[in-house]
Amino acid sequence: MHVKFQAANSVAEVETVSKNVSIGGLLVHSALVIPEHTPVTFIMCVRGEQAVHPVYLAGEGKIARAESTGAGFAIAIKCTIPITDLENCLPEASM
Protein backbone atom coordinates (compact mmCIF):
# COMPACT_ATOMS: atom_id res chain seq x y z
CA MET A 1 0.00 0.00 0.00
CA HIS A 2 1.05 3.55 -0.70
CA VAL A 3 -0.01 6.00 2.05
CA LYS A 4 0.14 9.83 1.80
CA PHE A 5 -0.26 12.28 4.66
CA GLN A 6 0.55 15.85 5.66
CA ALA A 7 3.72 16.13 7.79
CA ALA A 8 4.75 19.61 8.96
CA ASN A 9 4.60 21.78 5.81
CA SER A 10 4.92 19.03 3.21
CA VAL A 11 3.26 15.85 2.00
CA ALA A 12 4.91 12.64 3.18
CA GLU A 13 4.54 9.24 1.53
CA VAL A 14 5.29 5.79 2.89
CA GLU A 15 5.02 2.26 1.51
CA THR A 16 3.19 -0.10 3.87
CA VAL A 17 1.95 -3.68 3.85
CA SER A 18 -1.69 -4.36 4.69
CA LYS A 19 -2.26 -6.92 7.44
CA ASN A 20 -6.06 -6.94 7.37
CA VAL A 21 -8.86 -4.98 5.72
CA SER A 22 -12.48 -4.54 6.80
CA ILE A 23 -15.40 -2.33 5.82
CA GLY A 24 -14.51 0.30 8.42
CA GLY A 25 -10.73 0.34 8.14
CA LEU A 26 -7.47 -1.50 7.83
CA LEU A 27 -4.30 -2.39 9.68
CA VAL A 28 -0.96 -1.80 7.99
CA HIS A 29 2.69 -2.40 8.87
CA SER A 30 5.04 0.52 8.25
CA ALA A 31 8.71 1.30 8.81
CA LEU A 32 7.64 4.87 9.74
CA VAL A 33 5.14 5.96 12.36
CA ILE A 34 2.20 8.16 11.36
CA PRO A 35 0.77 10.11 14.33
CA GLU A 36 -2.74 9.36 15.59
CA HIS A 37 -5.59 11.46 14.12
CA THR A 38 -3.53 12.26 10.98
CA PRO A 39 -5.70 12.29 7.83
CA VAL A 40 -4.35 9.93 5.15
CA THR A 41 -5.08 8.85 1.59
CA PHE A 42 -4.00 5.46 0.32
CA ILE A 43 -3.77 3.26 -2.75
CA MET A 44 -3.75 -0.50 -2.33
CA CYS A 45 -2.74 -3.06 -4.96
CA VAL A 46 -4.52 -6.42 -4.58
CA ARG A 47 -3.09 -9.43 -6.39
CA GLY A 48 -4.24 -13.02 -6.39
CA GLU A 49 -3.31 -16.31 -7.99
CA GLN A 50 -6.59 -16.44 -9.93
CA ALA A 51 -6.60 -12.73 -10.87
CA VAL A 52 -5.99 -11.77 -14.49
CA HIS A 53 -4.52 -8.42 -13.42
CA PRO A 54 -4.01 -6.53 -10.13
CA VAL A 55 -6.87 -4.48 -8.71
CA TYR A 56 -6.09 -1.00 -7.40
CA LEU A 57 -8.21 0.37 -4.56
CA ALA A 58 -8.14 3.88 -3.09
CA GLY A 59 -9.43 5.33 0.14
CA GLU A 60 -9.21 8.04 2.75
CA GLY A 61 -9.13 7.85 6.51
CA LYS A 62 -7.55 8.92 9.77
CA ILE A 63 -4.96 7.15 11.88
CA ALA A 64 -6.82 5.56 14.79
CA ARG A 65 -3.81 3.92 16.44
CA ALA A 66 -0.06 3.48 15.93
CA GLU A 67 1.97 0.99 17.96
CA SER A 68 5.61 -0.06 17.82
CA THR A 69 6.15 -3.69 16.85
CA GLY A 70 9.90 -3.67 17.41
CA ALA A 71 10.47 -4.05 13.66
CA GLY A 72 8.33 -1.09 12.63
CA PHE A 73 4.83 0.09 13.43
CA ALA A 74 1.34 -1.38 13.33
CA ILE A 75 -0.96 1.42 12.16
CA ALA A 76 -4.77 1.26 12.24
CA ILE A 77 -6.54 3.43 9.67
CA LYS A 78 -10.25 4.21 10.15
CA CYS A 79 -11.83 4.87 6.75
CA THR A 80 -13.73 8.16 6.39
CA ILE A 81 -15.04 7.30 2.91
CA PRO A 82 -15.66 3.88 1.33
CA ILE A 83 -12.70 2.19 -0.37
CA THR A 84 -13.10 2.60 -4.15
CA ASP A 85 -11.91 0.55 -7.12
CA LEU A 86 -9.68 2.96 -9.08
CA GLU A 87 -10.67 1.35 -12.39
CA ASN A 88 -14.21 2.65 -11.87
CA CYS A 89 -12.88 6.18 -11.23
CA LEU A 90 -10.75 6.51 -14.36
CA PRO A 91 -12.24 7.98 -17.53
CA GLU A 92 -12.66 5.46 -20.34
CA ALA A 93 -10.10 5.64 -23.12
CA SER A 94 -11.24 7.43 -26.25
CA MET A 95 -11.61 5.29 -29.36
C-alpha atoms as a PDB file:
ATOM      1  CA  MET A   1       0.000   0.000   0.000  1.00  0.00           C
ATOM      2  CA  HIS A   2       1.051   3.547  -0.701  1.00  0.00           C
ATOM      3  CA  VAL A   3      -0.006   6.004   2.047  1.00  0.00           C
ATOM      4  CA  LYS A   4       0.144   9.831   1.801  1.00  0.00           C
ATOM      5  CA  PHE A   5      -0.256  12.282   4.661  1.00  0.00           C
ATOM      6  CA  GLN A   6       0.552  15.854   5.662  1.00  0.00           C
ATOM      7  CA  ALA A   7       3.716  16.134   7.786  1.00  0.00           C
ATOM      8  CA  ALA A   8       4.749  19.611   8.962  1.00  0.00           C
ATOM      9  CA  ASN A   9       4.600  21.776   5.809  1.00  0.00           C
ATOM     10  CA  SER A  10       4.924  19.034   3.206  1.00  0.00           C
ATOM     11  CA  VAL A  11       3.264  15.851   2.001  1.00  0.00           C
ATOM     12  CA  ALA A  12       4.907  12.639   3.176  1.00  0.00           C
ATOM     13  CA  GLU A  13       4.537   9.235   1.527  1.00  0.00           C
ATOM     14  CA  VAL A  14       5.293   5.789   2.891  1.00  0.00           C
ATOM     15  CA  GLU A  15       5.022   2.258   1.507  1.00  0.00           C
ATOM     16  CA  THR A  16       3.193  -0.098   3.867  1.00  0.00           C
ATOM     17  CA  VAL A  17       1.948  -3.682   3.852  1.00  0.00           C
ATOM     18  CA  SER A  18      -1.690  -4.361   4.692  1.00  0.00           C
ATOM     19  CA  LYS A  19      -2.258  -6.916   7.445  1.00  0.00           C
ATOM     20  CA  ASN A  20      -6.061  -6.937   7.366  1.00  0.00           C
ATOM     21  CA  VAL A  21      -8.856  -4.978   5.723  1.00  0.00           C
ATOM     22  CA  SER A  22     -12.476  -4.542   6.798  1.00  0.00           C
ATOM     23  CA  ILE A  23     -15.400  -2.332   5.820  1.00  0.00           C
ATOM     24  CA  GLY A  24     -14.510   0.297   8.422  1.00  0.00           C
ATOM     25  CA  GLY A  25     -10.733   0.338   8.138  1.00  0.00           C
ATOM     26  CA  LEU A  26      -7.470  -1.501   7.828  1.00  0.00           C
ATOM     27  CA  LEU A  27      -4.297  -2.390   9.685  1.00  0.00           C
ATOM     28  CA  VAL A  28      -0.957  -1.802   7.992  1.00  0.00           C
ATOM     29  CA  HIS A  29       2.688  -2.400   8.872  1.00  0.00           C
ATOM     30  CA  SER A  30       5.037   0.523   8.253  1.00  0.00           C
ATOM     31  CA  ALA A  31       8.710   1.303   8.812  1.00  0.00           C
ATOM     32  CA  LEU A  32       7.643   4.873   9.741  1.00  0.00           C
ATOM     33  CA  VAL A  33       5.145   5.961  12.363  1.00  0.00           C
ATOM     34  CA  ILE A  34       2.201   8.156  11.363  1.00  0.00           C
ATOM     35  CA  PRO A  35       0.773  10.108  14.328  1.00  0.00           C
ATOM     36  CA  GLU A  36      -2.742   9.355  15.590  1.00  0.00           C
ATOM     37  CA  HIS A  37      -5.590  11.458  14.120  1.00  0.00           C
ATOM     38  CA  THR A  38      -3.528  12.255  10.982  1.00  0.00           C
ATOM     39  CA  PRO A  39      -5.704  12.290   7.829  1.00  0.00           C
ATOM     40  CA  VAL A  40      -4.351   9.934   5.146  1.00  0.00           C
ATOM     41  CA  THR A  41      -5.083   8.847   1.594  1.00  0.00           C
ATOM     42  CA  PHE A  42      -4.001   5.461   0.316  1.00  0.00           C
ATOM     43  CA  ILE A  43      -3.774   3.263  -2.752  1.00  0.00           C
ATOM     44  CA  MET A  44      -3.754  -0.502  -2.331  1.00  0.00           C
ATOM     45  CA  CYS A  45      -2.741  -3.057  -4.960  1.00  0.00           C
ATOM     46  CA  VAL A  46      -4.521  -6.417  -4.576  1.00  0.00           C
ATOM     47  CA  ARG A  47      -3.090  -9.429  -6.392  1.00  0.00           C
ATOM     48  CA  GLY A  48      -4.239 -13.016  -6.389  1.00  0.00           C
ATOM     49  CA  GLU A  49      -3.311 -16.308  -7.990  1.00  0.00           C
ATOM     50  CA  GLN A  50      -6.595 -16.441  -9.928  1.00  0.00           C
ATOM     51  CA  ALA A  51      -6.599 -12.732 -10.871  1.00  0.00           C
ATOM     52  CA  VAL A  52      -5.993 -11.766 -14.489  1.00  0.00           C
ATOM     53  CA  HIS A  53      -4.524  -8.416 -13.418  1.00  0.00           C
ATOM     54  CA  PRO A  54      -4.007  -6.534 -10.133  1.00  0.00           C
ATOM     55  CA  VAL A  55      -6.872  -4.479  -8.714  1.00  0.00           C
ATOM     56  CA  TYR A  56      -6.092  -0.997  -7.399  1.00  0.00           C
ATOM     57  CA  LEU A  57      -8.209   0.367  -4.558  1.00  0.00           C
ATOM     58  CA  ALA A  58      -8.137   3.877  -3.093  1.00  0.00           C
ATOM     59  CA  GLY A  59      -9.429   5.333   0.141  1.00  0.00           C
ATOM     60  CA  GLU A  60      -9.207   8.040   2.753  1.00  0.00           C
ATOM     61  CA  GLY A  61      -9.129   7.854   6.509  1.00  0.00           C
ATOM     62  CA  LYS A  62      -7.548   8.917   9.770  1.00  0.00           C
ATOM     63  CA  ILE A  63      -4.962   7.152  11.877  1.00  0.00           C
ATOM     64  CA  ALA A  64      -6.815   5.558  14.790  1.00  0.00           C
ATOM     65  CA  ARG A  65      -3.805   3.924  16.443  1.00  0.00           C
ATOM     66  CA  ALA A  66      -0.055   3.483  15.927  1.00  0.00           C
ATOM     67  CA  GLU A  67       1.967   0.989  17.957  1.00  0.00           C
ATOM     68  CA  SER A  68       5.615  -0.056  17.820  1.00  0.00           C
ATOM     69  CA  THR A  69       6.150  -3.691  16.848  1.00  0.00           C
ATOM     70  CA  GLY A  70       9.903  -3.673  17.411  1.00  0.00           C
ATOM     71  CA  ALA A  71      10.475  -4.048  13.661  1.00  0.00           C
ATOM     72  CA  GLY A  72       8.325  -1.090  12.626  1.00  0.00           C
ATOM     73  CA  PHE A  73       4.834   0.092  13.430  1.00  0.00           C
ATOM     74  CA  ALA A  74       1.336  -1.378  13.332  1.00  0.00           C
ATOM     75  CA  ILE A  75      -0.961   1.421  12.162  1.00  0.00           C
ATOM     76  CA  ALA A  76      -4.765   1.262  12.240  1.00  0.00           C
ATOM     77  CA  ILE A  77      -6.544   3.430   9.666  1.00  0.00           C
ATOM     78  CA  LYS A  78     -10.251   4.210  10.153  1.00  0.00           C
ATOM     79  CA  CYS A  79     -11.829   4.874   6.751  1.00  0.00           C
ATOM     80  CA  THR A  80     -13.729   8.155   6.388  1.00  0.00           C
ATOM     81  CA  ILE A  81     -15.040   7.301   2.905  1.00  0.00           C
ATOM     82  CA  PRO A  82     -15.656   3.878   1.325  1.00  0.00           C
ATOM     83  CA  ILE A  83     -12.705   2.191  -0.369  1.00  0.00           C
ATOM     84  CA  THR A  84     -13.104   2.599  -4.146  1.00  0.00           C
ATOM     85  CA  ASP A  85     -11.915   0.553  -7.119  1.00  0.00           C
ATOM     86  CA  LEU A  86      -9.679   2.956  -9.081  1.00  0.00           C
ATOM     87  CA  GLU A  87     -10.671   1.352 -12.391  1.00  0.00           C
ATOM     88  CA  ASN A  88     -14.215   2.647 -11.868  1.00  0.00           C
ATOM     89  CA  CYS A  89     -12.884   6.177 -11.234  1.00  0.00           C
ATOM     90  CA  LEU A  90     -10.749   6.511 -14.361  1.00  0.00           C
ATOM     91  CA  PRO A  91     -12.240   7.981 -17.533  1.00  0.00           C
ATOM     92  CA  GLU A  92     -12.661   5.459 -20.335  1.00  0.00           C
ATOM     93  CA  ALA A  93     -10.101   5.636 -23.123  1.00  0.00           C
ATOM     94  CA  SER A  94     -11.244   7.432 -26.248  1.00  0.00           C
ATOM     95  CA  MET A  95     -11.611   5.292 -29.363  1.00  0.00           C
END
